[in-house]
Structures are given as structure tokens and as C-alpha cells.
Amino acid sequence: MKNMTETWNKIKSGALNCASTMLNKVSIATEESRLKSKYEALGRRLLPALENDALDELKNDPDVVELVGCISEMRKRIRDMKKQEKNGFHL
């Protein structure tokens, strides 16, 4: 009976680790998609500034500053999530 319980606990633990890994992969993909949209929004602001030689104005644009800050935070979160995935989950 003890071996069955140990086997069951190993199966349960493996299933939980697998589910955690898959959830993390979905979270990473979702975050990367959001990051892509932030980069696209920044690009939409950057191109006209480049065309009109107005890059200095972007530095003071609160929307651009917010986008850059958001991109930086999202990149860090993605890095952390990938690091957690690489190191494995310990439930």
C-alpha cells in the first residue's frame, strides 16, 4: 500500500509540475504578445518623429515615456518568467 501511495504522489506531483509549466508558457506567450503591441505603438509614434526630424520632442512626450517604461517592465517580467521556467517549478 505504501508503494501505491508513493507512486500516486509522484504522479500527482508530475502532473502539477506539468500544469504549472504549461500555464507559465501561456503566460509568457500572452506577455510577449502584449509586448509586441507596445513596440508597435512606439513605432507608430517614432516613425512620424523620424520623418519630421522631431526625435527630441519624443523625449518629453508622456505617452512615449510611459510606453518605454511599460516595455522595460514587460521585458523584465518575461525574462523572469523564462528564468523560472528554465529553473523548473518546485511545488
PDB file of N, CA and C in Angstrom:
ATOM      1  N   MET A   1       0.822  -1.192   0.000  1.00  0.00           N
ATOM      2  CA  MET A   1       0.000   0.000   0.000  1.00  0.00           C
ATOM      3  C   MET A   1       0.869   1.259   0.000  1.00  0.00           C
ATOM      4  N   LYS A   2       2.017   1.177   0.715  1.00  0.00           N
ATOM      5  CA  LYS A   2       2.902   2.336   0.793  1.00  0.00           C
ATOM      6  C   LYS A   2       3.454   2.687  -0.593  1.00  0.00           C
ATOM      7  N   ASN A   3       3.822   1.673  -1.393  1.00  0.00           N
ATOM      8  CA  ASN A   3       4.338   1.911  -2.740  1.00  0.00           C
ATOM      9  C   ASN A   3       3.290   2.559  -3.638  1.00  0.00           C
ATOM     10  N   MET A   4       2.040   2.162  -3.487  1.00  0.00           N
ATOM     11  CA  MET A   4       0.967   2.756  -4.292  1.00  0.00           C
ATOM     12  C   MET A   4       0.804   4.230  -3.946  1.00  0.00           C
ATOM     13  N   THR A   5       0.885   4.542  -2.655  1.00  0.00           N
ATOM     14  CA  THR A   5       0.756   5.934  -2.219  1.00  0.00           C
ATOM     15  C   THR A   5       1.924   6.759  -2.746  1.00  0.00           C
ATOM     16  N   GLU A   6       3.118   6.225  -2.664  1.00  0.00           N
ATOM     17  CA  GLU A   6       4.294   6.937  -3.178  1.00  0.00           C
ATOM     18  C   GLU A   6       4.175   7.144  -4.683  1.00  0.00           C
ATOM     19  N   THR A   7       3.736   6.111  -5.387  1.00  0.00           N
ATOM     20  CA  THR A   7       3.566   6.216  -6.840  1.00  0.00           C
ATOM     21  C   THR A   7       2.516   7.269  -7.168  1.00  0.00           C
ATOM     22  N   TRP A   8       1.411   7.232  -6.450  1.00  0.00           N
ATOM     23  CA  TRP A   8       0.341   8.203  -6.681  1.00  0.00           C
ATOM     24  C   TRP A   8       0.851   9.621  -6.424  1.00  0.00           C
ATOM     25  N   ASN A   9       1.596   9.831  -5.357  1.00  0.00           N
ATOM     26  CA  ASN A   9       2.125  11.159  -5.047  1.00  0.00           C
ATOM     27  C   ASN A   9       3.099  11.630  -6.123  1.00  0.00           C
ATOM     28  N   LYS A  10       3.910  10.722  -6.658  1.00  0.00           N
ATOM     29  CA  LYS A  10       4.839  11.088  -7.739  1.00  0.00           C
ATOM     30  C   LYS A  10       4.070  11.484  -8.994  1.00  0.00           C
ATOM     31  N   ILE A  11       3.025  10.728  -9.313  1.00  0.00           N
ATOM     32  CA  ILE A  11       2.200  11.047 -10.489  1.00  0.00           C
ATOM     33  C   ILE A  11       1.529  12.396 -10.300  1.00  0.00           C
ATOM     34  N   LYS A  12       0.975  12.612  -9.117  1.00  0.00           N
ATOM     35  CA  LYS A  12       0.290  13.866  -8.822  1.00  0.00           C
ATOM     36  C   LYS A  12       1.262  15.045  -8.905  1.00  0.00           C
ATOM     37  N   SER A  13       2.448  14.872  -8.338  1.00  0.00           N
ATOM     38  CA  SER A  13       3.462  15.922  -8.371  1.00  0.00           C
ATOM     39  C   SER A  13       3.890  16.225  -9.803  1.00  0.00           C
ATOM     40  N   GLY A  14       4.095  15.175 -10.591  1.00  0.00           N
ATOM     41  CA  GLY A  14       4.463  15.363 -12.000  1.00  0.00           C
ATOM     42  C   GLY A  14       3.388  16.090 -12.778  1.00  0.00           C
ATOM     43  N   ALA A  15       2.134  15.747 -12.509  1.00  0.00           N
ATOM     44  CA  ALA A  15       1.026  16.410 -13.195  1.00  0.00           C
ATOM     45  C   ALA A  15       0.950  17.883 -12.815  1.00  0.00           C
ATOM     46  N   LEU A  16       1.143  18.187 -11.543  1.00  0.00           N
ATOM     47  CA  LEU A  16       1.122  19.578 -11.092  1.00  0.00           C
ATOM     48  C   LEU A  16       2.266  20.375 -11.716  1.00  0.00           C
ATOM     49  N   ASN A  17       3.449  19.775 -11.770  1.00  0.00           N
ATOM     50  CA  ASN A  17       4.590  20.452 -12.394  1.00  0.00           C
ATOM     51  C   ASN A  17       4.337  20.695 -13.878  1.00  0.00           C
ATOM     52  N   CYS A  18       3.764  19.710 -14.544  1.00  0.00           N
ATOM     53  CA  CYS A  18       3.445  19.854 -15.964  1.00  0.00           C
ATOM     54  C   CYS A  18       2.428  20.978 -16.176  1.00  0.00           C
ATOM     55  N   ALA A  19       1.391  21.004 -15.348  1.00  0.00           N
ATOM     56  CA  ALA A  19       0.372  22.052 -15.463  1.00  0.00           C
ATOM     57  C   ALA A  19       0.976  23.428 -15.197  1.00  0.00           C
ATOM     58  N   SER A  20       1.845  23.524 -14.213  1.00  0.00           N
ATOM     59  CA  SER A  20       2.493  24.805 -13.907  1.00  0.00           C
ATOM     60  C   SER A  20       3.359  25.269 -15.069  1.00  0.00           C
ATOM     61  N   THR A  21       4.085  24.336 -15.664  1.00  0.00           N
ATOM     62  CA  THR A  21       4.934  24.665 -16.808  1.00  0.00           C
ATOM     63  C   THR A  21       4.095  25.169 -17.977  1.00  0.00           C
ATOM     64  N   MET A  22       2.998  24.472 -18.258  1.00  0.00           N
ATOM     65  CA  MET A  22       2.144  24.876 -19.376  1.00  0.00           C
ATOM     66  C   MET A  22       1.502  26.243 -19.115  1.00  0.00           C
ATOM     67  N   LEU A  23       1.064  26.470 -17.896  1.00  0.00           N
ATOM     68  CA  LEU A  23       0.480  27.759 -17.541  1.00  0.00           C
ATOM     69  C   LEU A  23       1.508  28.871 -17.707  1.00  0.00           C
ATOM     70  N   ASN A  24       2.736  28.608 -17.309  1.00  0.00           N
ATOM     71  CA  ASN A  24       3.792  29.602 -17.458  1.00  0.00           C
ATOM     72  C   ASN A  24       4.068  29.883 -18.934  1.00  0.00           C
ATOM     73  N   LYS A  25       4.055  28.840 -19.770  1.00  0.00           N
ATOM     74  CA  LYS A  25       4.269  29.033 -21.211  1.00  0.00           C
ATOM     75  C   LYS A  25       3.174  29.908 -21.812  1.00  0.00           C
ATOM     76  N   VAL A  26       1.936  29.680 -21.394  1.00  0.00           N
ATOM     77  CA  VAL A  26       0.817  30.501 -21.870  1.00  0.00           C
ATOM     78  C   VAL A  26       0.982  31.940 -21.389  1.00  0.00           C
ATOM     79  N   SER A  27       1.390  32.101 -20.148  1.00  0.00           N
ATOM     80  CA  SER A  27       1.605  33.450 -19.605  1.00  0.00           C
ATOM     81  C   SER A  27       2.710  34.181 -20.358  1.00  0.00           C
ATOM     82  N   ILE A  28       3.776  33.468 -20.667  1.00  0.00           N
ATOM     83  CA  ILE A  28       4.884  34.067 -21.424  1.00  0.00           C
ATOM     84  C   ILE A  28       4.392  34.495 -22.810  1.00  0.00           C
ATOM     85  N   ALA A  29       3.667  33.623 -23.488  1.00  0.00           N
ATOM     86  CA  ALA A  29       3.164  33.944 -24.833  1.00  0.00           C
ATOM     87  C   ALA A  29       2.228  35.151 -24.786  1.00  0.00           C
ATOM     88  N   THR A  30       1.384  35.213 -23.775  1.00  0.00           N
ATOM     89  CA  THR A  30       0.467  36.347 -23.628  1.00  0.00           C
ATOM     90  C   THR A  30       1.241  37.638 -23.396  1.00  0.00           C
ATOM     91  N   GLU A  31       2.218  37.572 -22.520  1.00  0.00           N
ATOM     92  CA  GLU A  31       3.023  38.756 -22.210  1.00  0.00           C
ATOM     93  C   GLU A  31       3.830  39.199 -23.437  1.00  0.00           C
ATOM     94  N   GLU A  32       4.354  38.247 -24.197  1.00  0.00           N
ATOM     95  CA  GLU A  32       5.105  38.592 -25.412  1.00  0.00           C
ATOM     96  C   GLU A  32       4.196  39.236 -26.446  1.00  0.00           C
ATOM     97  N   SER A  33       2.961  38.801 -26.516  1.00  0.00           N
ATOM     98  CA  SER A  33       2.002  39.414 -27.440  1.00  0.00           C
ATOM     99  C   SER A  33       1.707  40.859 -27.026  1.00  0.00           C
ATOM    100  N   ARG A  34       1.530  41.073 -25.742  1.00  0.00           N
ATOM    101  CA  ARG A  34       1.309  42.441 -25.239  1.00  0.00           C
ATOM    102  C   ARG A  34       2.533  43.311 -25.498  1.00  0.00           C
ATOM    103  N   LEU A  35       3.715  42.733 -25.313  1.00  0.00           N
ATOM    104  CA  LEU A  35       4.955  43.472 -25.558  1.00  0.00           C
ATOM    105  C   LEU A  35       5.038  43.888 -27.028  1.00  0.00           C
ATOM    106  N   LYS A  36       4.683  42.974 -27.913  1.00  0.00           N
ATOM    107  CA  LYS A  36       4.703  43.281 -29.345  1.00  0.00           C
ATOM    108  C   LYS A  36       3.791  44.470 -29.653  1.00  0.00           C
ATOM    109  N   SER A  37       2.622  44.494 -29.053  1.00  0.00           N
ATOM    110  CA  SER A  37       1.704  45.608 -29.321  1.00  0.00           C
ATOM    111  C   SER A  37       2.249  46.925 -28.777  1.00  0.00           C
ATOM    112  N   LYS A  38       2.984  46.871 -27.662  1.00  0.00           N
ATOM    113  CA  LYS A  38       3.604  48.093 -27.128  1.00  0.00           C
ATOM    114  C   LYS A  38       4.709  48.595 -28.066  1.00  0.00           C
ATOM    115  N   TYR A  39       5.505  47.658 -28.600  1.00  0.00           N
ATOM    116  CA  TYR A  39       6.535  48.042 -29.570  1.00  0.00           C
ATOM    117  C   TYR A  39       5.903  48.657 -30.819  1.00  0.00           C
ATOM    118  N   GLU A  40       4.804  48.088 -31.272  1.00  0.00           N
ATOM    119  CA  GLU A  40       4.116  48.627 -32.449  1.00  0.00           C
ATOM    120  C   GLU A  40       3.599  50.033 -32.173  1.00  0.00           C
ATOM    121  N   ALA A  41       3.050  50.249 -30.980  1.00  0.00           N
ATOM    122  CA  ALA A  41       2.564  51.582 -30.613  1.00  0.00           C
ATOM    123  C   ALA A  41       3.723  52.579 -30.570  1.00  0.00           C
ATOM    124  N   LEU A  42       4.857  52.141 -30.041  1.00  0.00           N
ATOM    125  CA  LEU A  42       6.036  53.011 -30.006  1.00  0.00           C
ATOM    126  C   LEU A  42       6.500  53.323 -31.427  1.00  0.00           C
ATOM    127  N   GLY A  43       6.485  52.326 -32.294  1.00  0.00           N
ATOM    128  CA  GLY A  43       6.866  52.527 -33.695  1.00  0.00           C
ATOM    129  C   GLY A  43       5.963  53.535 -34.398  1.00  0.00           C
ATOM    130  N   ARG A  44       4.662  53.478 -34.082  1.00  0.00           N
ATOM    131  CA  ARG A  44       3.727  54.438 -34.689  1.00  0.00           C
ATOM    132  C   ARG A  44       4.029  55.865 -34.251  1.00  0.00           C
ATOM    133  N   ARG A  45       4.596  56.010 -33.067  1.00  0.00           N
ATOM    134  CA  ARG A  45       4.982  57.349 -32.592  1.00  0.00           C
ATOM    135  C   ARG A  45       6.348  57.749 -33.144  1.00  0.00           C
ATOM    136  N   LEU A  46       7.219  56.769 -33.310  1.00  0.00           N
ATOM    137  CA  LEU A  46       8.596  57.031 -33.716  1.00  0.00           C
ATOM    138  C   LEU A  46       8.721  57.420 -35.178  1.00  0.00           C
ATOM    139  N   LEU A  47       8.018  56.742 -36.059  1.00  0.00           N
ATOM    140  CA  LEU A  47       8.160  56.982 -37.493  1.00  0.00           C
ATOM    141  C   LEU A  47       7.860  58.429 -37.884  1.00  0.00           C
ATOM    142  N   PRO A  48       6.727  58.990 -37.458  1.00  0.00           N
ATOM    143  CA  PRO A  48       6.480  60.404 -37.812  1.00  0.00           C
ATOM    144  C   PRO A  48       7.542  61.350 -37.237  1.00  0.00           C
ATOM    145  N   ALA A  49       8.018  61.034 -36.034  1.00  0.00           N
ATOM    146  CA  ALA A  49       9.057  61.886 -35.439  1.00  0.00           C
ATOM    147  C   ALA A  49      10.335  61.817 -36.258  1.00  0.00           C
ATOM    148  N   LEU A  50      10.675  60.637 -36.748  1.00  0.00           N
ATOM    149  CA  LEU A  50      11.855  60.499 -37.615  1.00  0.00           C
ATOM    150  C   LEU A  50      11.668  61.269 -38.919  1.00  0.00           C
ATOM    151  N   GLU A  51      10.495  61.122 -39.493  1.00  0.00           N
ATOM    152  CA  GLU A  51      10.220  61.789 -40.780  1.00  0.00           C
ATOM    153  C   GLU A  51      10.227  63.303 -40.661  1.00  0.00           C
ATOM    154  N   ASN A  52       9.845  63.808 -39.501  1.00  0.00           N
ATOM    155  CA  ASN A  52       9.758  65.261 -39.301  1.00  0.00           C
ATOM    156  C   ASN A  52      10.924  65.826 -38.500  1.00  0.00           C
ATOM    157  N   ASP A  53      11.977  64.999 -38.325  1.00  0.00           N
ATOM    158  CA  ASP A  53      13.158  65.417 -37.574  1.00  0.00           C
ATOM    159  C   ASP A  53      12.763  65.983 -36.204  1.00  0.00           C
ATOM    160  N   ALA A  54      11.907  65.235 -35.521  1.00  0.00           N
ATOM    161  CA  ALA A  54      11.382  65.705 -34.234  1.00  0.00           C
ATOM    162  C   ALA A  54      11.630  64.690 -33.118  1.00  0.00           C
ATOM    163  N   LEU A  55      12.765  64.009 -33.169  1.00  0.00           N
ATOM    164  CA  LEU A  55      13.047  62.996 -32.153  1.00  0.00           C
ATOM    165  C   LEU A  55      13.165  63.582 -30.749  1.00  0.00           C
ATOM    166  N   ASP A  56      13.687  64.797 -30.634  1.00  0.00           N
ATOM    167  CA  ASP A  56      13.839  65.419 -29.317  1.00  0.00           C
ATOM    168  C   ASP A  56      12.496  65.608 -28.628  1.00  0.00           C
ATOM    169  N   GLU A  57      11.451  65.841 -29.412  1.00  0.00           N
ATOM    170  CA  GLU A  57      10.118  66.035 -28.836  1.00  0.00           C
ATOM    171  C   GLU A  57       9.603  64.754 -28.184  1.00  0.00           C
ATOM    172  N   LEU A  58      10.041  63.603 -28.684  1.00  0.00           N
ATOM    173  CA  LEU A  58       9.574  62.339 -28.124  1.00  0.00           C
ATOM    174  C   LEU A  58      10.028  62.152 -26.683  1.00  0.00           C
ATOM    175  N   LYS A  59      11.202  62.683 -26.359  1.00  0.00           N
ATOM    176  CA  LYS A  59      11.734  62.525 -25.009  1.00  0.00           C
ATOM    177  C   LYS A  59      10.815  63.133 -23.957  1.00  0.00           C
ATOM    178  N   ASN A  60      10.079  64.142 -24.341  1.00  0.00           N
ATOM    179  CA  ASN A  60       9.194  64.847 -23.410  1.00  0.00           C
ATOM    180  C   ASN A  60       7.734  64.446 -23.565  1.00  0.00           C
ATOM    181  N   ASP A  61       7.446  63.546 -24.475  1.00  0.00           N
ATOM    182  CA  ASP A  61       6.070  63.107 -24.706  1.00  0.00           C
ATOM    183  C   ASP A  61       5.704  62.089 -23.628  1.00  0.00           C
ATOM    184  N   PRO A  62       4.732  62.403 -22.757  1.00  0.00           N
ATOM    185  CA  PRO A  62       4.392  61.492 -21.663  1.00  0.00           C
ATOM    186  C   PRO A  62       3.918  60.113 -22.150  1.00  0.00           C
ATOM    187  N   ASP A  63       3.252  60.066 -23.288  1.00  0.00           N
ATOM    188  CA  ASP A  63       2.796  58.779 -23.824  1.00  0.00           C
ATOM    189  C   ASP A  63       3.981  57.899 -24.218  1.00  0.00           C
ATOM    190  N   VAL A  64       4.992  58.509 -24.821  1.00  0.00           N
ATOM    191  CA  VAL A  64       6.182  57.762 -25.235  1.00  0.00           C
ATOM    192  C   VAL A  64       6.970  57.308 -24.010  1.00  0.00           C
ATOM    193  N   VAL A  65       7.107  58.188 -23.040  1.00  0.00           N
ATOM    194  CA  VAL A  65       7.815  57.835 -21.807  1.00  0.00           C
ATOM    195  C   VAL A  65       7.106  56.666 -21.122  1.00  0.00           C
ATOM    196  N   GLU A  66       5.774  56.707 -21.084  1.00  0.00           N
ATOM    197  CA  GLU A  66       5.004  55.620 -20.478  1.00  0.00           C
ATOM    198  C   GLU A  66       5.188  54.319 -21.258  1.00  0.00           C
ATOM    199  N   LEU A  67       5.167  54.397 -22.588  1.00  0.00           N
ATOM    200  CA  LEU A  67       5.373  53.205 -23.416  1.00  0.00           C
ATOM    201  C   LEU A  67       6.743  52.578 -23.170  1.00  0.00           C
ATOM    202  N   VAL A  68       7.773  53.407 -23.134  1.00  0.00           N
ATOM    203  CA  VAL A  68       9.134  52.906 -22.919  1.00  0.00           C
ATOM    204  C   VAL A  68       9.241  52.255 -21.537  1.00  0.00           C
ATOM    205  N   GLY A  69       8.656  52.867 -20.526  1.00  0.00           N
ATOM    206  CA  GLY A  69       8.667  52.291 -19.188  1.00  0.00           C
ATOM    207  C   GLY A  69       7.918  50.964 -19.143  1.00  0.00           C
ATOM    208  N   CYS A  70       6.781  50.918 -19.803  1.00  0.00           N
ATOM    209  CA  CYS A  70       5.979  49.705 -19.852  1.00  0.00           C
ATOM    210  C   CYS A  70       6.738  48.582 -20.568  1.00  0.00           C
ATOM    211  N   ILE A  71       7.374  48.914 -21.677  1.00  0.00           N
ATOM    212  CA  ILE A  71       8.162  47.926 -22.429  1.00  0.00           C
ATOM    213  C   ILE A  71       9.279  47.371 -21.558  1.00  0.00           C
ATOM    214  N   SER A  72       9.939  48.239 -20.839  1.00  0.00           N
ATOM    215  CA  SER A  72      11.035  47.814 -19.965  1.00  0.00           C
ATOM    216  C   SER A  72      10.532  46.854 -18.884  1.00  0.00           C
ATOM    217  N   GLU A  73       9.413  47.174 -18.264  1.00  0.00           N
ATOM    218  CA  GLU A  73       8.838  46.319 -17.222  1.00  0.00           C
ATOM    219  C   GLU A  73       8.405  44.972 -17.792  1.00  0.00           C
ATOM    220  N   MET A  74       7.793  44.999 -18.961  1.00  0.00           N
ATOM    221  CA  MET A  74       7.310  43.765 -19.580  1.00  0.00           C
ATOM    222  C   MET A  74       8.484  42.855 -19.956  1.00  0.00           C
ATOM    223  N   ARG A  75       9.545  43.437 -20.480  1.00  0.00           N
ATOM    224  CA  ARG A  75      10.729  42.639 -20.836  1.00  0.00           C
ATOM    225  C   ARG A  75      11.315  41.965 -19.597  1.00  0.00           C
ATOM    226  N   LYS A  76      11.353  42.695 -18.479  1.00  0.00           N
ATOM    227  CA  LYS A  76      11.865  42.120 -17.232  1.00  0.00           C
ATOM    228  C   LYS A  76      10.960  40.981 -16.764  1.00  0.00           C
ATOM    229  N   ARG A  77       9.649  41.193 -16.821  1.00  0.00           N
ATOM    230  CA  ARG A  77       8.712  40.142 -16.405  1.00  0.00           C
ATOM    231  C   ARG A  77       8.881  38.886 -17.248  1.00  0.00           C
ATOM    232  N   ILE A  78       9.018  39.069 -18.560  1.00  0.00           N
ATOM    233  CA  ILE A  78       9.199  37.926 -19.461  1.00  0.00           C
ATOM    234  C   ILE A  78      10.502  37.207 -19.145  1.00  0.00           C
ATOM    235  N   ARG A  79      11.563  37.964 -18.934  1.00  0.00           N
ATOM    236  CA  ARG A  79      12.854  37.371 -18.556  1.00  0.00           C
ATOM    237  C   ARG A  79      12.724  36.547 -17.279  1.00  0.00           C
ATOM    238  N   ASP A  80      12.037  37.107 -16.285  1.00  0.00           N
ATOM    239  CA  ASP A  80      11.850  36.410 -15.011  1.00  0.00           C
ATOM    240  C   ASP A  80      11.023  35.132 -15.196  1.00  0.00           C
ATOM    241  N   MET A  81       9.985  35.209 -16.003  1.00  0.00           N
ATOM    242  CA  MET A  81       9.137  34.040 -16.241  1.00  0.00           C
ATOM    243  C   MET A  81       9.918  32.951 -16.975  1.00  0.00           C
ATOM    244  N   LYS A  82      10.744  33.350 -17.937  1.00  0.00           N
ATOM    245  CA  LYS A  82      11.556  32.363 -18.667  1.00  0.00           C
ATOM    246  C   LYS A  82      12.612  31.755 -17.758  1.00  0.00           C
ATOM    247  N   LYS A  83      13.158  32.568 -16.865  1.00  0.00           N
ATOM    248  CA  LYS A  83      14.143  32.057 -15.912  1.00  0.00           C
ATOM    249  C   LYS A  83      13.480  31.049 -14.980  1.00  0.00           C
ATOM    250  N   GLN A  84      12.289  31.373 -14.509  1.00  0.00           N
ATOM    251  CA  GLN A  84      11.555  30.464 -13.635  1.00  0.00           C
ATOM    252  C   GLN A  84      11.257  29.158 -14.363  1.00  0.00           C
ATOM    253  N   GLU A  85      10.886  29.266 -15.630  1.00  0.00           N
ATOM    254  CA  GLU A  85      10.599  28.079 -16.424  1.00  0.00           C
ATOM    255  C   GLU A  85      11.861  27.219 -16.596  1.00  0.00           C
ATOM    256  N   LYS A  86      12.973  27.886 -16.869  1.00  0.00           N
ATOM    257  CA  LYS A  86      14.240  27.178 -17.071  1.00  0.00           C
ATOM    258  C   LYS A  86      14.683  26.454 -15.796  1.00  0.00           C
ATOM    259  N   ASN A  87      14.480  27.098 -14.664  1.00  0.00           N
ATOM    260  CA  ASN A  87      14.887  26.519 -13.376  1.00  0.00           C
ATOM    261  C   ASN A  87      13.924  25.454 -12.900  1.00  0.00           C
ATOM    262  N   GLY A  88      12.763  25.390 -13.509  1.00  0.00           N
ATOM    263  CA  GLY A  88      11.775  24.392 -13.108  1.00  0.00           C
ATOM    264  C   GLY A  88      10.917  24.881 -11.962  1.00  0.00           C
ATOM    265  N   PHE A  89       9.841  24.195 -11.760  1.00  0.00           N
ATOM    266  CA  PHE A  89       8.912  24.539 -10.704  1.00  0.00           C
ATOM    267  C   PHE A  89       9.056  23.552  -9.569  1.00  0.00           C
ATOM    268  N   HIS A  90       8.946  24.066  -8.378  1.00  0.00           N
ATOM    269  CA  HIS A  90       9.038  23.196  -7.205  1.00  0.00           C
ATOM    270  C   HIS A  90       7.799  23.431  -6.364  1.00  0.00           C
ATOM    271  N   LEU A  91       6.861  22.538  -6.511  1.00  0.00           N
ATOM    272  CA  LEU A  91       5.606  22.673  -5.757  1.00  0.00           C
ATOM    273  C   LEU A  91       5.669  21.912  -4.451  1.00  0.00           C
TER     274      LEU A  91
END
